[in-house]
Amino acid sequence: MKTRNIINSNNEDTTEPFAVALHVILRNFWEYYLEEPDKDGVAFGYVMGVENEWGSVSMDEIKPYIISTAKGAELDEIMPPQGYHWEEVK
């Protein structure tokens, strides 16, 4: 699956890129920037919710609350998370 890299704009944690494979918005408007889920349906990524943080999420647990998903070329239309920017493809 095509991914798009985000990079921390503030250099607080790291400037290492993180490959986003899936963007998800829930009914409560939390946004998830996730890598590809593993065989158990768990994905690691960045979530913007009550707090903005890195962590893992079970896709089975959030599936009933998803209102929007984007992956592949659709990621080109998504804004990066707050404090991050998309890595430019050269």
Protein backbone atom coordinates (compact mmCIF):
# COMPACT_ATOMS: atom_id res chain seq x y z
CA MET A 1 0.00 0.00 0.00
CA LYS A 2 1.23 3.50 -0.85
CA THR A 3 2.29 5.52 2.20
CA ARG A 4 3.00 9.18 2.83
CA ASN A 5 5.60 10.33 5.37
CA ILE A 6 5.00 12.86 8.14
CA ILE A 7 7.87 14.69 9.84
CA ASN A 8 7.77 16.58 13.15
CA SER A 9 7.91 20.31 12.37
CA ASN A 10 8.93 21.29 15.90
CA ASN A 11 11.85 18.85 16.22
CA GLU A 12 10.56 17.99 19.71
CA ASP A 13 10.67 14.21 19.40
CA THR A 14 12.51 13.40 16.22
CA THR A 15 12.80 14.44 12.63
CA GLU A 16 12.56 10.81 11.52
CA PRO A 17 9.74 10.33 9.00
CA PHE A 18 6.75 8.15 9.90
CA ALA A 19 5.02 6.30 7.05
CA VAL A 20 1.25 6.90 7.16
CA ALA A 21 -0.72 4.19 5.36
CA LEU A 22 -4.19 5.08 6.66
CA HIS A 23 -5.95 8.22 7.88
CA VAL A 24 -9.11 7.70 9.96
CA ILE A 25 -11.64 10.12 11.44
CA LEU A 26 -14.04 8.94 14.15
CA ARG A 27 -17.48 10.30 15.06
CA ASN A 28 -15.92 12.28 17.92
CA PHE A 29 -13.58 13.83 15.29
CA TRP A 30 -10.43 12.18 16.64
CA GLU A 31 -7.99 11.72 13.78
CA TYR A 32 -5.62 8.77 13.41
CA TYR A 33 -2.52 8.71 11.20
CA LEU A 34 -1.69 5.01 11.13
CA GLU A 35 0.75 2.55 9.65
CA GLU A 36 -0.60 -0.63 8.07
CA PRO A 37 -2.40 -2.76 10.71
CA ASP A 38 -0.68 -6.02 11.70
CA LYS A 39 -2.21 -9.50 11.36
CA ASP A 40 -4.23 -8.90 14.56
CA GLY A 41 -5.69 -5.63 13.27
CA VAL A 42 -3.57 -3.42 15.54
CA ALA A 43 -1.96 -0.33 14.04
CA PHE A 44 0.61 2.07 15.47
CA GLY A 45 0.40 5.77 14.75
CA TYR A 46 -0.36 9.30 15.83
CA VAL A 47 -3.77 10.28 17.20
CA MET A 48 -5.17 13.77 17.61
CA GLY A 49 -7.88 13.58 20.25
CA VAL A 50 -8.21 14.96 23.77
CA GLU A 51 -4.41 14.69 23.81
CA ASN A 52 -2.17 14.32 20.77
CA GLU A 53 -0.04 11.21 21.21
CA TRP A 54 1.66 8.20 19.64
CA GLY A 55 0.32 4.73 20.35
CA SER A 56 -1.38 1.58 19.11
CA VAL A 57 -5.05 1.10 18.36
CA SER A 58 -7.18 -1.94 17.56
CA MET A 59 -9.01 -1.39 14.28
CA ASP A 60 -11.78 -3.71 15.52
CA GLU A 61 -12.43 -1.40 18.49
CA ILE A 62 -12.70 1.81 16.47
CA LYS A 63 -14.43 0.35 13.38
CA PRO A 64 -18.01 1.11 14.57
CA TYR A 65 -17.10 4.79 15.04
CA ILE A 66 -15.27 5.48 11.77
CA ILE A 67 -16.85 8.17 9.58
CA SER A 68 -13.98 8.67 7.13
CA THR A 69 -10.91 6.80 5.88
CA ALA A 70 -8.21 7.70 3.37
CA LYS A 71 -5.39 5.57 2.04
CA GLY A 72 -3.11 5.38 -0.95
CA ALA A 73 -3.43 8.36 -3.29
CA GLU A 74 -6.27 9.72 -1.11
CA LEU A 75 -3.63 10.70 1.48
CA ASP A 76 -2.53 13.47 -0.92
CA GLU A 77 -5.78 15.30 -0.03
CA ILE A 78 -5.33 15.05 3.77
CA MET A 79 -3.74 17.71 5.96
CA PRO A 80 -0.86 16.50 8.16
CA PRO A 81 -1.38 16.32 11.93
CA GLN A 82 -0.84 19.45 14.00
CA GLY A 83 2.90 20.06 14.50
CA TYR A 84 3.88 17.87 11.53
CA HIS A 85 4.35 18.31 7.79
CA TRP A 86 4.29 15.93 4.86
CA GLU A 87 7.68 14.94 3.53
CA GLU A 88 8.05 16.12 -0.03
CA VAL A 89 8.50 13.41 -2.62
CA LYS A 90 11.53 14.09 -4.81
